[in-house]
Amino acid sequence: MSASTPSARRNISSGGAYENVFGYSRAVALGGQIHVSGTCAPASHETLGAFEQTKAALRTIEAALREAGADLTDVVRTVVYVRDIADADAVARAHLAAFDAVRPASTLVQVTSMLRPWQLVEIEAYAVKG
């Protein structure tokens, strides 16, 4: 991961090719807040189910938070998008494993599609350090 720091803002990259195509950062830290972009599992997970894809997305989120000087215990909100609401239980199990002691505010919604047809879940996270 690499970062640039214009003034107090810190842009954090995960090195994903789409960051340069779309013009976004994996996460942005400003003041004590960290906003993590919608995160899916990497392509190496395309044959795996929703539980495994959720765990992989959360690992990417955790790495971005660490680079910003935070961790999963600093997360105050997640927004979870699933392609099939039938995957909600599997996604919830993985989310619970990461956030059982933290209990951030969270929303789970079904969407009709994602960027790649094999992607089953996408997660945004918002954290506050301190």
C-alpha atoms as a PDB file:
ATOM      1  CA  MET A   1       0.000   0.000   0.000  1.00  0.00           C
ATOM      2  CA  SER A   2       1.174   3.516  -0.724  1.00  0.00           C
ATOM      3  CA  ALA A   3      -0.070   6.860   0.504  1.00  0.00           C
ATOM      4  CA  SER A   4       0.187  10.511  -0.381  1.00  0.00           C
ATOM      5  CA  THR A   5      -0.312  13.253   2.188  1.00  0.00           C
ATOM      6  CA  PRO A   6      -1.444  16.617   0.845  1.00  0.00           C
ATOM      7  CA  SER A   7      -1.965  18.731   4.013  1.00  0.00           C
ATOM      8  CA  ALA A   8      -3.837  16.703   6.691  1.00  0.00           C
ATOM      9  CA  ARG A   9      -5.528  14.454   4.150  1.00  0.00           C
ATOM     10  CA  ARG A  10      -3.995  11.038   3.532  1.00  0.00           C
ATOM     11  CA  ASN A  11      -4.991   8.972   0.510  1.00  0.00           C
ATOM     12  CA  ILE A  12      -4.325   5.256   0.904  1.00  0.00           C
ATOM     13  CA  SER A  13      -4.007   2.974  -2.112  1.00  0.00           C
ATOM     14  CA  SER A  14      -4.301  -0.793  -2.198  1.00  0.00           C
ATOM     15  CA  GLY A  15      -2.562  -0.849  -5.569  1.00  0.00           C
ATOM     16  CA  GLY A  16      -5.648  -2.083  -7.395  1.00  0.00           C
ATOM     17  CA  ALA A  17      -5.632  -1.267 -11.115  1.00  0.00           C
ATOM     18  CA  TYR A  18      -9.151   0.147 -10.996  1.00  0.00           C
ATOM     19  CA  GLU A  19      -8.050   2.908  -8.608  1.00  0.00           C
ATOM     20  CA  ASN A  20      -6.320   4.649 -11.522  1.00  0.00           C
ATOM     21  CA  VAL A  21      -9.135   3.896 -13.976  1.00  0.00           C
ATOM     22  CA  PHE A  22     -11.882   5.282 -11.736  1.00  0.00           C
ATOM     23  CA  GLY A  23      -9.838   7.866  -9.804  1.00  0.00           C
ATOM     24  CA  TYR A  24     -10.364   6.806  -6.218  1.00  0.00           C
ATOM     25  CA  SER A  25      -8.423   5.753  -3.130  1.00  0.00           C
ATOM     26  CA  ARG A  26      -8.954   2.557  -1.141  1.00  0.00           C
ATOM     27  CA  ALA A  27      -9.273   4.813   1.894  1.00  0.00           C
ATOM     28  CA  VAL A  28      -9.020   8.460   2.837  1.00  0.00           C
ATOM     29  CA  ALA A  29      -7.912   9.538   6.304  1.00  0.00           C
ATOM     30  CA  LEU A  30      -8.693  13.088   7.368  1.00  0.00           C
ATOM     31  CA  GLY A  31      -8.422  14.222  10.933  1.00  0.00           C
ATOM     32  CA  GLY A  32      -9.462  11.243  13.025  1.00  0.00           C
ATOM     33  CA  GLN A  33     -11.782   9.824  10.367  1.00  0.00           C
ATOM     34  CA  ILE A  34     -11.003   7.052   7.895  1.00  0.00           C
ATOM     35  CA  HIS A  35     -13.381   6.357   5.011  1.00  0.00           C
ATOM     36  CA  VAL A  36     -12.773   3.022   3.289  1.00  0.00           C
ATOM     37  CA  SER A  37     -14.177   2.664  -0.233  1.00  0.00           C
ATOM     38  CA  GLY A  38     -16.419  -0.181  -1.243  1.00  0.00           C
ATOM     39  CA  THR A  39     -14.185  -3.246  -1.098  1.00  0.00           C
ATOM     40  CA  CYS A  40     -14.651  -6.625  -2.764  1.00  0.00           C
ATOM     41  CA  ALA A  41     -12.568  -9.781  -2.582  1.00  0.00           C
ATOM     42  CA  PRO A  42      -9.618  -9.903  -5.003  1.00  0.00           C
ATOM     43  CA  ALA A  43      -9.834 -11.876  -8.243  1.00  0.00           C
ATOM     44  CA  SER A  44      -8.128 -14.856  -6.622  1.00  0.00           C
ATOM     45  CA  HIS A  45     -11.441 -15.399  -4.770  1.00  0.00           C
ATOM     46  CA  GLU A  46     -13.714 -15.513  -7.812  1.00  0.00           C
ATOM     47  CA  THR A  47     -14.677 -19.154  -7.323  1.00  0.00           C
ATOM     48  CA  LEU A  48     -15.307 -18.820  -3.590  1.00  0.00           C
ATOM     49  CA  GLY A  49     -18.595 -18.214  -1.818  1.00  0.00           C
ATOM     50  CA  ALA A  50     -19.957 -15.175  -0.023  1.00  0.00           C
ATOM     51  CA  PHE A  51     -18.449 -16.078   3.370  1.00  0.00           C
ATOM     52  CA  GLU A  52     -14.919 -16.351   1.982  1.00  0.00           C
ATOM     53  CA  GLN A  53     -15.331 -13.264  -0.208  1.00  0.00           C
ATOM     54  CA  THR A  54     -16.527 -11.280   2.814  1.00  0.00           C
ATOM     55  CA  LYS A  55     -13.531 -12.387   4.886  1.00  0.00           C
ATOM     56  CA  ALA A  56     -11.183 -11.381   2.044  1.00  0.00           C
ATOM     57  CA  ALA A  57     -12.812  -7.963   1.661  1.00  0.00           C
ATOM     58  CA  LEU A  58     -12.527  -7.395   5.409  1.00  0.00           C
ATOM     59  CA  ARG A  59      -8.805  -8.269   5.291  1.00  0.00           C
ATOM     60  CA  THR A  60      -8.305  -5.586   2.624  1.00  0.00           C
ATOM     61  CA  ILE A  61     -10.266  -3.096   4.735  1.00  0.00           C
ATOM     62  CA  GLU A  62      -8.212  -4.012   7.797  1.00  0.00           C
ATOM     63  CA  ALA A  63      -4.956  -3.439   5.879  1.00  0.00           C
ATOM     64  CA  ALA A  64      -6.134   0.012   4.747  1.00  0.00           C
ATOM     65  CA  LEU A  65      -7.131   0.890   8.306  1.00  0.00           C
ATOM     66  CA  ARG A  66      -3.731  -0.232   9.626  1.00  0.00           C
ATOM     67  CA  GLU A  67      -1.983   1.987   7.106  1.00  0.00           C
ATOM     68  CA  ALA A  68      -4.094   4.885   8.393  1.00  0.00           C
ATOM     69  CA  GLY A  69      -3.078   4.082  11.983  1.00  0.00           C
ATOM     70  CA  ALA A  70      -6.363   2.434  12.937  1.00  0.00           C
ATOM     71  CA  ASP A  71      -7.822  -1.066  13.122  1.00  0.00           C
ATOM     72  CA  LEU A  72     -11.174  -2.835  13.054  1.00  0.00           C
ATOM     73  CA  THR A  73     -11.948  -1.728  16.623  1.00  0.00           C
ATOM     74  CA  ASP A  74     -12.105   1.869  15.335  1.00  0.00           C
ATOM     75  CA  VAL A  75     -14.878   1.072  12.816  1.00  0.00           C
ATOM     76  CA  VAL A  76     -18.121   2.883  13.621  1.00  0.00           C
ATOM     77  CA  ARG A  77     -20.154   1.954  10.514  1.00  0.00           C
ATOM     78  CA  THR A  78     -20.201  -0.566   7.691  1.00  0.00           C
ATOM     79  CA  VAL A  79     -22.368  -0.694   4.598  1.00  0.00           C
ATOM     80  CA  VAL A  80     -22.601  -4.151   3.047  1.00  0.00           C
ATOM     81  CA  TYR A  81     -23.879  -4.781  -0.474  1.00  0.00           C
ATOM     82  CA  VAL A  82     -24.808  -8.312  -1.583  1.00  0.00           C
ATOM     83  CA  ARG A  83     -25.864  -9.494  -5.035  1.00  0.00           C
ATOM     84  CA  ASP A  84     -28.129 -12.157  -3.575  1.00  0.00           C
ATOM     85  CA  ILE A  85     -29.923 -11.635  -0.287  1.00  0.00           C
ATOM     86  CA  ALA A  86     -29.762 -15.417   0.187  1.00  0.00           C
ATOM     87  CA  ASP A  87     -26.055 -14.837   0.992  1.00  0.00           C
ATOM     88  CA  ALA A  88     -26.954 -12.588   3.932  1.00  0.00           C
ATOM     89  CA  ASP A  89     -26.383 -15.288   6.577  1.00  0.00           C
ATOM     90  CA  ALA A  90     -22.930 -16.216   5.232  1.00  0.00           C
ATOM     91  CA  VAL A  91     -21.937 -12.555   4.969  1.00  0.00           C
ATOM     92  CA  ALA A  92     -23.275 -11.891   8.478  1.00  0.00           C
ATOM     93  CA  ARG A  93     -21.162 -14.740   9.927  1.00  0.00           C
ATOM     94  CA  ALA A  94     -17.984 -13.266   8.457  1.00  0.00           C
ATOM     95  CA  HIS A  95     -18.960  -9.740   9.556  1.00  0.00           C
ATOM     96  CA  LEU A  96     -19.692 -10.991  13.080  1.00  0.00           C
ATOM     97  CA  ALA A  97     -16.308 -12.729  13.257  1.00  0.00           C
ATOM     98  CA  ALA A  98     -14.596  -9.413  12.511  1.00  0.00           C
ATOM     99  CA  PHE A  99     -16.831  -7.088  14.514  1.00  0.00           C
ATOM    100  CA  ASP A 100     -18.408  -9.082  17.364  1.00  0.00           C
ATOM    101  CA  ALA A 101     -16.713  -7.009  20.067  1.00  0.00           C
ATOM    102  CA  VAL A 102     -16.976  -3.740  18.102  1.00  0.00           C
ATOM    103  CA  ARG A 103     -20.616  -3.755  16.971  1.00  0.00           C
ATOM    104  CA  PRO A 104     -20.499  -0.884  14.441  1.00  0.00           C
ATOM    105  CA  ALA A 105     -23.684   0.548  12.997  1.00  0.00           C
ATOM    106  CA  SER A 106     -24.316  -1.401   9.802  1.00  0.00           C
ATOM    107  CA  THR A 107     -26.565  -1.647   6.777  1.00  0.00           C
ATOM    108  CA  LEU A 108     -26.959  -4.650   4.463  1.00  0.00           C
ATOM    109  CA  VAL A 109     -28.672  -4.215   1.112  1.00  0.00           C
ATOM    110  CA  GLN A 110     -29.119  -6.277  -2.028  1.00  0.00           C
ATOM    111  CA  VAL A 111     -27.972  -4.777  -5.329  1.00  0.00           C
ATOM    112  CA  THR A 112     -28.582  -6.022  -8.861  1.00  0.00           C
ATOM    113  CA  SER A 113     -24.947  -6.240  -9.954  1.00  0.00           C
ATOM    114  CA  MET A 114     -21.344  -5.413  -9.173  1.00  0.00           C
ATOM    115  CA  LEU A 115     -18.367  -4.499 -11.341  1.00  0.00           C
ATOM    116  CA  ARG A 116     -17.428  -8.131 -12.011  1.00  0.00           C
ATOM    117  CA  PRO A 117     -20.035 -10.896 -12.324  1.00  0.00           C
ATOM    118  CA  TRP A 118     -18.315 -13.190  -9.808  1.00  0.00           C
ATOM    119  CA  GLN A 119     -18.330 -10.577  -7.012  1.00  0.00           C
ATOM    120  CA  LEU A 120     -20.918 -11.447  -4.381  1.00  0.00           C
ATOM    121  CA  VAL A 121     -20.298  -8.828  -1.678  1.00  0.00           C
ATOM    122  CA  GLU A 122     -18.869  -5.319  -1.329  1.00  0.00           C
ATOM    123  CA  ILE A 123     -18.226  -3.532   1.961  1.00  0.00           C
ATOM    124  CA  GLU A 124     -17.667   0.125   2.867  1.00  0.00           C
ATOM    125  CA  ALA A 125     -16.250   0.981   6.291  1.00  0.00           C
ATOM    126  CA  TYR A 126     -16.011   4.174   8.275  1.00  0.00           C
ATOM    127  CA  ALA A 127     -13.684   4.472  11.263  1.00  0.00           C
ATOM    128  CA  VAL A 128     -12.853   7.118  13.844  1.00  0.00           C
ATOM    129  CA  LYS A 129      -9.472   7.012  15.586  1.00  0.00           C
ATOM    130  CA  GLY A 130      -9.264   7.922  19.214  1.00  0.00           C
END
